[in-house]
ModelCIF file with pLDDT and N, C-alpha, C, O atoms, coordinates in Angstrom:
data_MODEL
#
_entry.id   MODEL 
#
_entity.id                         1 
_entity.type                       polymer 
_entity.pdbx_number_of_molecules   1 
#
_entity_poly.entity_id                      1 
_entity_poly.type                           'polypeptide(L)' 
_entity_poly.nstd_linkage                   no 
_entity_poly.nstd_monomer                   no 
_entity_poly.pdbx_seq_one_letter_code       VCVPQNLVVKIPENLGFAQASSASLGLIGMQGVRRAAPKFGDVIA 
_entity_poly.pdbx_seq_one_letter_code_can   VCVPQNLVVKIPENLGFAQASSASLGLIGMQGVRRAAPKFGDVIA 
_entity_poly.pdbx_strand_id                 A 
#
loop_
_entity_poly_seq.entity_id 
_entity_poly_seq.num 
_entity_poly_seq.mon_id 
_entity_poly_seq.hetero 
1 1  VAL n 
1 2  CYS n 
1 3  VAL n 
1 4  PRO n 
1 5  GLN n 
1 6  ASN n 
1 7  LEU n 
1 8  VAL n 
1 9  VAL n 
1 10 LYS n 
1 11 ILE n 
1 12 PRO n 
1 13 GLU n 
1 14 ASN n 
1 15 LEU n 
1 16 GLY n 
1 17 PHE n 
1 18 ALA n 
1 19 GLN n 
1 20 ALA n 
1 21 SER n 
1 22 SER n 
1 23 ALA n 
1 24 SER n 
1 25 LEU n 
1 26 GLY n 
1 27 LEU n 
1 28 ILE n 
1 29 GLY n 
1 30 MET n 
1 31 GLN n 
1 32 GLY n 
1 33 VAL n 
1 34 ARG n 
1 35 ARG n 
1 36 ALA n 
1 37 ALA n 
1 38 PRO n 
1 39 LYS n 
1 40 PHE n 
1 41 GLY n 
1 42 ASP n 
1 43 VAL n 
1 44 ILE n 
1 45 ALA n 
#
_struct_asym.id          A 
_struct_asym.entity_id   1 
#
loop_
_ma_qa_metric.id 
_ma_qa_metric.mode 
_ma_qa_metric.name 
_ma_qa_metric.software_group_id 
_ma_qa_metric.type 
1 global pLDDT . pLDDT 
2 local  pLDDT . pLDDT 
#
_ma_qa_metric_global.metric_id      1 
_ma_qa_metric_global.metric_value   89.13 
_ma_qa_metric_global.model_id       1 
_ma_qa_metric_global.ordinal_id     1 
#
loop_
_ma_qa_metric_local.label_asym_id 
_ma_qa_metric_local.label_comp_id 
_ma_qa_metric_local.label_seq_id 
_ma_qa_metric_local.metric_id 
_ma_qa_metric_local.metric_value 
_ma_qa_metric_local.model_id 
_ma_qa_metric_local.ordinal_id 
A VAL 1  2 97.00 1 1  
A CYS 2  2 97.00 1 2  
A VAL 3  2 97.00 1 3  
A PRO 4  2 97.00 1 4  
A GLN 5  2 95.00 1 5  
A ASN 6  2 95.00 1 6  
A LEU 7  2 95.00 1 7  
A VAL 8  2 96.00 1 8  
A VAL 9  2 95.00 1 9  
A LYS 10 2 97.00 1 10 
A ILE 11 2 96.00 1 11 
A PRO 12 2 94.00 1 12 
A GLU 13 2 92.00 1 13 
A ASN 14 2 94.00 1 14 
A LEU 15 2 94.00 1 15 
A GLY 16 2 93.00 1 16 
A PHE 17 2 95.00 1 17 
A ALA 18 2 92.00 1 18 
A GLN 19 2 92.00 1 19 
A ALA 20 2 92.00 1 20 
A SER 21 2 91.00 1 21 
A SER 22 2 87.00 1 22 
A ALA 23 2 87.00 1 23 
A SER 24 2 82.00 1 24 
A LEU 25 2 81.00 1 25 
A GLY 26 2 80.00 1 26 
A LEU 27 2 81.00 1 27 
A ILE 28 2 77.00 1 28 
A GLY 29 2 77.00 1 29 
A MET 30 2 80.00 1 30 
A GLN 31 2 82.00 1 31 
A GLY 32 2 83.00 1 32 
A VAL 33 2 83.00 1 33 
A ARG 34 2 86.00 1 34 
A ARG 35 2 90.00 1 35 
A ALA 36 2 87.00 1 36 
A ALA 37 2 89.00 1 37 
A PRO 38 2 88.00 1 38 
A LYS 39 2 90.00 1 39 
A PHE 40 2 90.00 1 40 
A GLY 41 2 91.00 1 41 
A ASP 42 2 88.00 1 42 
A VAL 43 2 87.00 1 43 
A ILE 44 2 81.00 1 44 
A ALA 45 2 78.00 1 45 
#
loop_
_atom_site.group_PDB 
_atom_site.id 
_atom_site.type_symbol 
_atom_site.label_atom_id 
_atom_site.label_alt_id 
_atom_site.label_comp_id 
_atom_site.label_asym_id 
_atom_site.label_entity_id 
_atom_site.label_seq_id 
_atom_site.pdbx_PDB_ins_code 
_atom_site.Cartn_x 
_atom_site.Cartn_y 
_atom_site.Cartn_z 
_atom_site.occupancy 
_atom_site.B_iso_or_equiv 
_atom_site.pdbx_formal_charge 
_atom_site.auth_seq_id 
_atom_site.auth_comp_id 
_atom_site.auth_asym_id 
_atom_site.auth_atom_id 
_atom_site.pdbx_PDB_model_num 
ATOM 1   N N  . VAL A 1 1  ? -0.921  45.189 48.981 1.00 97.00 ? 1  VAL A N  1 
ATOM 2   C CA . VAL A 1 1  ? -1.337  44.902 47.583 1.00 97.00 ? 1  VAL A CA 1 
ATOM 3   C C  . VAL A 1 1  ? -2.462  45.757 47.369 1.00 97.00 ? 1  VAL A C  1 
ATOM 4   O O  . VAL A 1 1  ? -3.163  46.116 48.316 1.00 97.00 ? 1  VAL A O  1 
ATOM 5   N N  . CYS A 1 2  ? -2.725  46.170 45.974 1.00 97.00 ? 2  CYS A N  1 
ATOM 6   C CA . CYS A 1 2  ? -3.744  46.980 45.551 1.00 97.00 ? 2  CYS A CA 1 
ATOM 7   C C  . CYS A 1 2  ? -4.573  45.857 44.553 1.00 97.00 ? 2  CYS A C  1 
ATOM 8   O O  . CYS A 1 2  ? -4.096  45.280 43.575 1.00 97.00 ? 2  CYS A O  1 
ATOM 9   N N  . VAL A 1 3  ? -5.815  45.742 45.044 1.00 97.00 ? 3  VAL A N  1 
ATOM 10  C CA . VAL A 1 3  ? -6.516  44.630 44.245 1.00 97.00 ? 3  VAL A CA 1 
ATOM 11  C C  . VAL A 1 3  ? -7.843  45.270 43.713 1.00 97.00 ? 3  VAL A C  1 
ATOM 12  O O  . VAL A 1 3  ? -8.560  45.939 44.457 1.00 97.00 ? 3  VAL A O  1 
ATOM 13  N N  . PRO A 1 4  ? -8.137  45.045 42.417 1.00 97.00 ? 4  PRO A N  1 
ATOM 14  C CA . PRO A 1 4  ? -9.575  45.530 41.928 1.00 97.00 ? 4  PRO A CA 1 
ATOM 15  C C  . PRO A 1 4  ? -10.622 44.753 42.773 1.00 97.00 ? 4  PRO A C  1 
ATOM 16  O O  . PRO A 1 4  ? -10.423 43.609 43.180 1.00 97.00 ? 4  PRO A O  1 
ATOM 17  N N  . GLN A 1 5  ? -11.780 45.484 43.010 1.00 95.00 ? 5  GLN A N  1 
ATOM 18  C CA . GLN A 1 5  ? -12.950 45.008 43.907 1.00 95.00 ? 5  GLN A CA 1 
ATOM 19  C C  . GLN A 1 5  ? -13.400 43.720 43.434 1.00 95.00 ? 5  GLN A C  1 
ATOM 20  O O  . GLN A 1 5  ? -13.917 42.933 44.227 1.00 95.00 ? 5  GLN A O  1 
ATOM 21  N N  . ASN A 1 6  ? -13.228 43.389 42.025 1.00 95.00 ? 6  ASN A N  1 
ATOM 22  C CA . ASN A 1 6  ? -13.851 42.047 41.553 1.00 95.00 ? 6  ASN A CA 1 
ATOM 23  C C  . ASN A 1 6  ? -13.076 40.982 41.929 1.00 95.00 ? 6  ASN A C  1 
ATOM 24  O O  . ASN A 1 6  ? -13.507 39.841 41.762 1.00 95.00 ? 6  ASN A O  1 
ATOM 25  N N  . LEU A 1 7  ? -11.716 41.232 42.536 1.00 95.00 ? 7  LEU A N  1 
ATOM 26  C CA . LEU A 1 7  ? -10.730 40.165 42.785 1.00 95.00 ? 7  LEU A CA 1 
ATOM 27  C C  . LEU A 1 7  ? -10.675 40.072 44.321 1.00 95.00 ? 7  LEU A C  1 
ATOM 28  O O  . LEU A 1 7  ? -9.674  39.535 44.794 1.00 95.00 ? 7  LEU A O  1 
ATOM 29  N N  . VAL A 1 8  ? -11.616 40.522 45.150 1.00 96.00 ? 8  VAL A N  1 
ATOM 30  C CA . VAL A 1 8  ? -11.546 40.658 46.544 1.00 96.00 ? 8  VAL A CA 1 
ATOM 31  C C  . VAL A 1 8  ? -12.832 40.097 46.946 1.00 96.00 ? 8  VAL A C  1 
ATOM 32  O O  . VAL A 1 8  ? -13.815 40.256 46.221 1.00 96.00 ? 8  VAL A O  1 
ATOM 33  N N  . VAL A 1 9  ? -12.918 39.312 48.284 1.00 95.00 ? 9  VAL A N  1 
ATOM 34  C CA . VAL A 1 9  ? -13.911 38.662 48.759 1.00 95.00 ? 9  VAL A CA 1 
ATOM 35  C C  . VAL A 1 9  ? -13.780 38.676 50.150 1.00 95.00 ? 9  VAL A C  1 
ATOM 36  O O  . VAL A 1 9  ? -12.668 38.326 50.543 1.00 95.00 ? 9  VAL A O  1 
ATOM 37  N N  . LYS A 1 10 ? -14.722 39.027 51.143 1.00 97.00 ? 10 LYS A N  1 
ATOM 38  C CA . LYS A 1 10 ? -14.614 39.040 52.482 1.00 97.00 ? 10 LYS A CA 1 
ATOM 39  C C  . LYS A 1 10 ? -14.426 37.503 52.892 1.00 97.00 ? 10 LYS A C  1 
ATOM 40  O O  . LYS A 1 10 ? -14.836 36.537 52.249 1.00 97.00 ? 10 LYS A O  1 
ATOM 41  N N  . ILE A 1 11 ? -13.698 37.485 54.135 1.00 96.00 ? 11 ILE A N  1 
ATOM 42  C CA . ILE A 1 11 ? -13.436 36.147 54.659 1.00 96.00 ? 11 ILE A CA 1 
ATOM 43  C C  . ILE A 1 11 ? -14.386 35.880 55.623 1.00 96.00 ? 11 ILE A C  1 
ATOM 44  O O  . ILE A 1 11 ? -14.537 36.670 56.554 1.00 96.00 ? 11 ILE A O  1 
ATOM 45  N N  . PRO A 1 12 ? -15.102 34.792 55.522 1.00 94.00 ? 12 PRO A N  1 
ATOM 46  C CA . PRO A 1 12 ? -15.940 34.371 56.845 1.00 94.00 ? 12 PRO A CA 1 
ATOM 47  C C  . PRO A 1 12 ? -15.233 34.384 58.250 1.00 94.00 ? 12 PRO A C  1 
ATOM 48  O O  . PRO A 1 12 ? -14.042 34.116 58.404 1.00 94.00 ? 12 PRO A O  1 
ATOM 49  N N  . GLU A 1 13 ? -16.005 34.688 59.143 1.00 92.00 ? 13 GLU A N  1 
ATOM 50  C CA . GLU A 1 13 ? -15.356 34.776 60.640 1.00 92.00 ? 13 GLU A CA 1 
ATOM 51  C C  . GLU A 1 13 ? -14.809 33.581 61.065 1.00 92.00 ? 13 GLU A C  1 
ATOM 52  O O  . GLU A 1 13 ? -13.913 33.659 61.906 1.00 92.00 ? 13 GLU A O  1 
ATOM 53  N N  . ASN A 1 14 ? -15.199 32.330 60.610 1.00 94.00 ? 14 ASN A N  1 
ATOM 54  C CA . ASN A 1 14 ? -14.650 31.023 61.100 1.00 94.00 ? 14 ASN A CA 1 
ATOM 55  C C  . ASN A 1 14 ? -13.486 30.528 60.102 1.00 94.00 ? 14 ASN A C  1 
ATOM 56  O O  . ASN A 1 14 ? -13.191 29.333 60.082 1.00 94.00 ? 14 ASN A O  1 
ATOM 57  N N  . LEU A 1 15 ? -12.882 31.383 59.342 1.00 94.00 ? 15 LEU A N  1 
ATOM 58  C CA . LEU A 1 15 ? -11.861 31.022 58.271 1.00 94.00 ? 15 LEU A CA 1 
ATOM 59  C C  . LEU A 1 15 ? -10.488 31.907 58.647 1.00 94.00 ? 15 LEU A C  1 
ATOM 60  O O  . LEU A 1 15 ? -10.443 33.133 58.756 1.00 94.00 ? 15 LEU A O  1 
ATOM 61  N N  . GLY A 1 16 ? -9.613  31.163 58.779 1.00 93.00 ? 16 GLY A N  1 
ATOM 62  C CA . GLY A 1 16 ? -8.249  32.058 58.994 1.00 93.00 ? 16 GLY A CA 1 
ATOM 63  C C  . GLY A 1 16 ? -7.540  32.462 57.925 1.00 93.00 ? 16 GLY A C  1 
ATOM 64  O O  . GLY A 1 16 ? -7.694  31.783 56.910 1.00 93.00 ? 16 GLY A O  1 
ATOM 65  N N  . PHE A 1 17 ? -6.731  33.470 57.862 1.00 95.00 ? 17 PHE A N  1 
ATOM 66  C CA . PHE A 1 17 ? -5.936  34.097 56.859 1.00 95.00 ? 17 PHE A CA 1 
ATOM 67  C C  . PHE A 1 17 ? -5.067  33.020 56.012 1.00 95.00 ? 17 PHE A C  1 
ATOM 68  O O  . PHE A 1 17 ? -4.846  33.095 54.804 1.00 95.00 ? 17 PHE A O  1 
ATOM 69  N N  . ALA A 1 18 ? -4.632  32.031 56.868 1.00 92.00 ? 18 ALA A N  1 
ATOM 70  C CA . ALA A 1 18 ? -3.827  31.103 56.094 1.00 92.00 ? 18 ALA A CA 1 
ATOM 71  C C  . ALA A 1 18 ? -4.665  30.242 54.981 1.00 92.00 ? 18 ALA A C  1 
ATOM 72  O O  . ALA A 1 18 ? -4.261  29.959 53.853 1.00 92.00 ? 18 ALA A O  1 
ATOM 73  N N  . GLN A 1 19 ? -5.854  29.913 55.527 1.00 92.00 ? 19 GLN A N  1 
ATOM 74  C CA . GLN A 1 19 ? -6.768  28.898 54.651 1.00 92.00 ? 19 GLN A CA 1 
ATOM 75  C C  . GLN A 1 19 ? -7.244  29.979 53.423 1.00 92.00 ? 19 GLN A C  1 
ATOM 76  O O  . GLN A 1 19 ? -7.238  29.744 52.214 1.00 92.00 ? 19 GLN A O  1 
ATOM 77  N N  . ALA A 1 20 ? -7.595  31.045 54.003 1.00 92.00 ? 20 ALA A N  1 
ATOM 78  C CA . ALA A 1 20 ? -8.279  32.147 53.060 1.00 92.00 ? 20 ALA A CA 1 
ATOM 79  C C  . ALA A 1 20 ? -7.198  32.692 51.740 1.00 92.00 ? 20 ALA A C  1 
ATOM 80  O O  . ALA A 1 20 ? -7.589  33.139 50.661 1.00 92.00 ? 20 ALA A O  1 
ATOM 81  N N  . SER A 1 21 ? -5.848  32.524 52.144 1.00 91.00 ? 21 SER A N  1 
ATOM 82  C CA . SER A 1 21 ? -4.985  32.930 51.210 1.00 91.00 ? 21 SER A CA 1 
ATOM 83  C C  . SER A 1 21 ? -4.875  31.891 50.006 1.00 91.00 ? 21 SER A C  1 
ATOM 84  O O  . SER A 1 21 ? -4.207  32.157 49.007 1.00 91.00 ? 21 SER A O  1 
ATOM 85  N N  . SER A 1 22 ? -5.517  30.781 50.146 1.00 87.00 ? 22 SER A N  1 
ATOM 86  C CA . SER A 1 22 ? -5.418  29.814 48.758 1.00 87.00 ? 22 SER A CA 1 
ATOM 87  C C  . SER A 1 22 ? -6.681  29.806 48.064 1.00 87.00 ? 22 SER A C  1 
ATOM 88  O O  . SER A 1 22 ? -7.032  28.883 47.329 1.00 87.00 ? 22 SER A O  1 
ATOM 89  N N  . ALA A 1 23 ? -7.429  30.945 48.326 1.00 87.00 ? 23 ALA A N  1 
ATOM 90  C CA . ALA A 1 23 ? -8.852  30.923 47.402 1.00 87.00 ? 23 ALA A CA 1 
ATOM 91  C C  . ALA A 1 23 ? -8.584  31.005 46.086 1.00 87.00 ? 23 ALA A C  1 
ATOM 92  O O  . ALA A 1 23 ? -9.405  30.452 45.354 1.00 87.00 ? 23 ALA A O  1 
ATOM 93  N N  . SER A 1 24 ? -7.541  31.613 45.510 1.00 82.00 ? 24 SER A N  1 
ATOM 94  C CA . SER A 1 24 ? -7.414  31.586 44.016 1.00 82.00 ? 24 SER A CA 1 
ATOM 95  C C  . SER A 1 24 ? -7.230  30.091 43.615 1.00 82.00 ? 24 SER A C  1 
ATOM 96  O O  . SER A 1 24 ? -7.715  29.690 42.557 1.00 82.00 ? 24 SER A O  1 
ATOM 97  N N  . LEU A 1 25 ? -6.528  29.251 44.455 1.00 81.00 ? 25 LEU A N  1 
ATOM 98  C CA . LEU A 1 25 ? -6.179  27.870 43.791 1.00 81.00 ? 25 LEU A CA 1 
ATOM 99  C C  . LEU A 1 25 ? -7.461  27.173 43.783 1.00 81.00 ? 25 LEU A C  1 
ATOM 100 O O  . LEU A 1 25 ? -7.613  26.304 42.924 1.00 81.00 ? 25 LEU A O  1 
ATOM 101 N N  . GLY A 1 26 ? -8.508  27.445 44.692 1.00 80.00 ? 26 GLY A N  1 
ATOM 102 C CA . GLY A 1 26 ? -10.022 26.860 44.627 1.00 80.00 ? 26 GLY A CA 1 
ATOM 103 C C  . GLY A 1 26 ? -10.532 27.418 43.401 1.00 80.00 ? 26 GLY A C  1 
ATOM 104 O O  . GLY A 1 26 ? -11.019 26.601 42.619 1.00 80.00 ? 26 GLY A O  1 
ATOM 105 N N  . LEU A 1 27 ? -10.528 28.697 43.042 1.00 81.00 ? 27 LEU A N  1 
ATOM 106 C CA . LEU A 1 27 ? -10.964 29.384 42.042 1.00 81.00 ? 27 LEU A CA 1 
ATOM 107 C C  . LEU A 1 27 ? -10.717 28.770 40.707 1.00 81.00 ? 27 LEU A C  1 
ATOM 108 O O  . LEU A 1 27 ? -11.591 28.597 39.858 1.00 81.00 ? 27 LEU A O  1 
ATOM 109 N N  . ILE A 1 28 ? -9.413  28.443 40.583 1.00 77.00 ? 28 ILE A N  1 
ATOM 110 C CA . ILE A 1 28 ? -8.774  27.908 39.260 1.00 77.00 ? 28 ILE A CA 1 
ATOM 111 C C  . ILE A 1 28 ? -9.539  26.522 39.232 1.00 77.00 ? 28 ILE A C  1 
ATOM 112 O O  . ILE A 1 28 ? -10.137 26.238 38.194 1.00 77.00 ? 28 ILE A O  1 
ATOM 113 N N  . GLY A 1 29 ? -9.564  25.657 40.275 1.00 77.00 ? 29 GLY A N  1 
ATOM 114 C CA . GLY A 1 29 ? -10.403 24.407 40.142 1.00 77.00 ? 29 GLY A CA 1 
ATOM 115 C C  . GLY A 1 29 ? -11.675 24.477 39.823 1.00 77.00 ? 29 GLY A C  1 
ATOM 116 O O  . GLY A 1 29 ? -12.130 23.727 38.959 1.00 77.00 ? 29 GLY A O  1 
ATOM 117 N N  . MET A 1 30 ? -12.437 25.374 40.457 1.00 80.00 ? 30 MET A N  1 
ATOM 118 C CA . MET A 1 30 ? -13.868 25.516 40.005 1.00 80.00 ? 30 MET A CA 1 
ATOM 119 C C  . MET A 1 30 ? -13.998 25.843 38.491 1.00 80.00 ? 30 MET A C  1 
ATOM 120 O O  . MET A 1 30 ? -14.786 25.259 37.747 1.00 80.00 ? 30 MET A O  1 
ATOM 121 N N  . GLN A 1 31 ? -13.062 26.932 38.066 1.00 82.00 ? 31 GLN A N  1 
ATOM 122 C CA . GLN A 1 31 ? -13.048 27.237 36.743 1.00 82.00 ? 31 GLN A CA 1 
ATOM 123 C C  . GLN A 1 31 ? -12.774 26.016 35.632 1.00 82.00 ? 31 GLN A C  1 
ATOM 124 O O  . GLN A 1 31 ? -13.189 26.036 34.473 1.00 82.00 ? 31 GLN A O  1 
ATOM 125 N N  . GLY A 1 32 ? -12.055 25.048 36.187 1.00 83.00 ? 32 GLY A N  1 
ATOM 126 C CA . GLY A 1 32 ? -11.791 23.905 35.331 1.00 83.00 ? 32 GLY A CA 1 
ATOM 127 C C  . GLY A 1 32 ? -12.874 23.078 35.316 1.00 83.00 ? 32 GLY A C  1 
ATOM 128 O O  . GLY A 1 32 ? -13.078 22.349 34.345 1.00 83.00 ? 32 GLY A O  1 
ATOM 129 N N  . VAL A 1 33 ? -13.765 23.099 36.486 1.00 83.00 ? 33 VAL A N  1 
ATOM 130 C CA . VAL A 1 33 ? -15.075 22.262 36.422 1.00 83.00 ? 33 VAL A CA 1 
ATOM 131 C C  . VAL A 1 33 ? -16.101 22.969 35.543 1.00 83.00 ? 33 VAL A C  1 
ATOM 132 O O  . VAL A 1 33 ? -16.899 22.331 34.856 1.00 83.00 ? 33 VAL A O  1 
ATOM 133 N N  . ARG A 1 34 ? -16.068 24.056 35.574 1.00 86.00 ? 34 ARG A N  1 
ATOM 134 C CA . ARG A 1 34 ? -17.066 24.949 34.806 1.00 86.00 ? 34 ARG A CA 1 
ATOM 135 C C  . ARG A 1 34 ? -16.960 24.691 33.324 1.00 86.00 ? 34 ARG A C  1 
ATOM 136 O O  . ARG A 1 34 ? -17.937 24.460 32.612 1.00 86.00 ? 34 ARG A O  1 
ATOM 137 N N  . ARG A 1 35 ? -15.587 24.749 32.864 1.00 90.00 ? 35 ARG A N  1 
ATOM 138 C CA . ARG A 1 35 ? -15.071 24.697 31.322 1.00 90.00 ? 35 ARG A CA 1 
ATOM 139 C C  . ARG A 1 35 ? -15.192 23.026 30.983 1.00 90.00 ? 35 ARG A C  1 
ATOM 140 O O  . ARG A 1 35 ? -15.402 22.718 29.810 1.00 90.00 ? 35 ARG A O  1 
ATOM 141 N N  . ALA A 1 36 ? -15.084 22.147 31.820 1.00 87.00 ? 36 ALA A N  1 
ATOM 142 C CA . ALA A 1 36 ? -15.287 20.903 31.491 1.00 87.00 ? 36 ALA A CA 1 
ATOM 143 C C  . ALA A 1 36 ? -16.859 20.508 31.318 1.00 87.00 ? 36 ALA A C  1 
ATOM 144 O O  . ALA A 1 36 ? -17.186 19.523 30.655 1.00 87.00 ? 36 ALA A O  1 
ATOM 145 N N  . ALA A 1 37 ? -17.790 21.337 31.954 1.00 89.00 ? 37 ALA A N  1 
ATOM 146 C CA . ALA A 1 37 ? -19.188 21.354 31.797 1.00 89.00 ? 37 ALA A CA 1 
ATOM 147 C C  . ALA A 1 37 ? -19.768 19.902 32.063 1.00 89.00 ? 37 ALA A C  1 
ATOM 148 O O  . ALA A 1 37 ? -20.598 19.380 31.319 1.00 89.00 ? 37 ALA A O  1 
ATOM 149 N N  . PRO A 1 38 ? -19.309 19.374 33.064 1.00 88.00 ? 38 PRO A N  1 
ATOM 150 C CA . PRO A 1 38 ? -19.887 17.783 33.368 1.00 88.00 ? 38 PRO A CA 1 
ATOM 151 C C  . PRO A 1 38 ? -21.429 17.609 33.493 1.00 88.00 ? 38 PRO A C  1 
ATOM 152 O O  . PRO A 1 38 ? -22.054 18.471 34.111 1.00 88.00 ? 38 PRO A O  1 
ATOM 153 N N  . LYS A 1 39 ? -21.903 16.835 33.094 1.00 90.00 ? 39 LYS A N  1 
ATOM 154 C CA . LYS A 1 39 ? -23.266 16.337 33.219 1.00 90.00 ? 39 LYS A CA 1 
ATOM 155 C C  . LYS A 1 39 ? -23.500 15.293 34.123 1.00 90.00 ? 39 LYS A C  1 
ATOM 156 O O  . LYS A 1 39 ? -22.558 14.597 34.501 1.00 90.00 ? 39 LYS A O  1 
ATOM 157 N N  . PHE A 1 40 ? -24.904 15.058 34.601 1.00 90.00 ? 40 PHE A N  1 
ATOM 158 C CA . PHE A 1 40 ? -25.223 13.971 35.565 1.00 90.00 ? 40 PHE A CA 1 
ATOM 159 C C  . PHE A 1 40 ? -24.913 12.836 34.746 1.00 90.00 ? 40 PHE A C  1 
ATOM 160 O O  . PHE A 1 40 ? -25.229 12.741 33.560 1.00 90.00 ? 40 PHE A O  1 
ATOM 161 N N  . GLY A 1 41 ? -24.249 11.927 35.448 1.00 91.00 ? 41 GLY A N  1 
ATOM 162 C CA . GLY A 1 41 ? -23.651 10.674 35.082 1.00 91.00 ? 41 GLY A CA 1 
ATOM 163 C C  . GLY A 1 41 ? -22.246 10.502 34.493 1.00 91.00 ? 41 GLY A C  1 
ATOM 164 O O  . GLY A 1 41 ? -21.737 9.429  34.170 1.00 91.00 ? 41 GLY A O  1 
ATOM 165 N N  . ASP A 1 42 ? -21.690 11.736 34.400 1.00 88.00 ? 42 ASP A N  1 
ATOM 166 C CA . ASP A 1 42 ? -20.384 11.695 33.813 1.00 88.00 ? 42 ASP A CA 1 
ATOM 167 C C  . ASP A 1 42 ? -19.423 11.331 34.976 1.00 88.00 ? 42 ASP A C  1 
ATOM 168 O O  . ASP A 1 42 ? -19.640 11.637 36.149 1.00 88.00 ? 42 ASP A O  1 
ATOM 169 N N  . VAL A 1 43 ? -18.206 10.564 34.479 1.00 87.00 ? 43 VAL A N  1 
ATOM 170 C CA . VAL A 1 43 ? -17.254 10.195 35.609 1.00 87.00 ? 43 VAL A CA 1 
ATOM 171 C C  . VAL A 1 43 ? -16.083 11.215 35.402 1.00 87.00 ? 43 VAL A C  1 
ATOM 172 O O  . VAL A 1 43 ? -15.565 11.450 34.311 1.00 87.00 ? 43 VAL A O  1 
ATOM 173 N N  . ILE A 1 44 ? -15.725 11.808 36.630 1.00 81.00 ? 44 ILE A N  1 
ATOM 174 C CA . ILE A 1 44 ? -14.545 12.764 36.847 1.00 81.00 ? 44 ILE A CA 1 
ATOM 175 C C  . ILE A 1 44 ? -13.654 12.323 37.929 1.00 81.00 ? 44 ILE A C  1 
ATOM 176 O O  . ILE A 1 44 ? -14.046 11.902 39.018 1.00 81.00 ? 44 ILE A O  1 
ATOM 177 N N  . ALA A 1 45 ? -12.320 12.457 37.527 1.00 78.00 ? 45 ALA A N  1 
ATOM 178 C CA . ALA A 1 45 ? -11.308 12.403 38.681 1.00 78.00 ? 45 ALA A CA 1 
ATOM 179 C C  . ALA A 1 45 ? -10.686 13.503 38.745 1.00 78.00 ? 45 ALA A C  1 
ATOM 180 O O  . ALA A 1 45 ? -9.823  13.675 39.605 1.00 78.00 ? 45 ALA A O  1 
#
């Protein structure tokens, strides 16, 4: 694959390719949290 630099991140030594390949799914979850903009005291499921 040919990927723009801003969509590539180095994998830490202790992380395998299988786990690292799911990075985008984690990023999508993190973006959901950012967009929800939770505050201290909010209840989130």
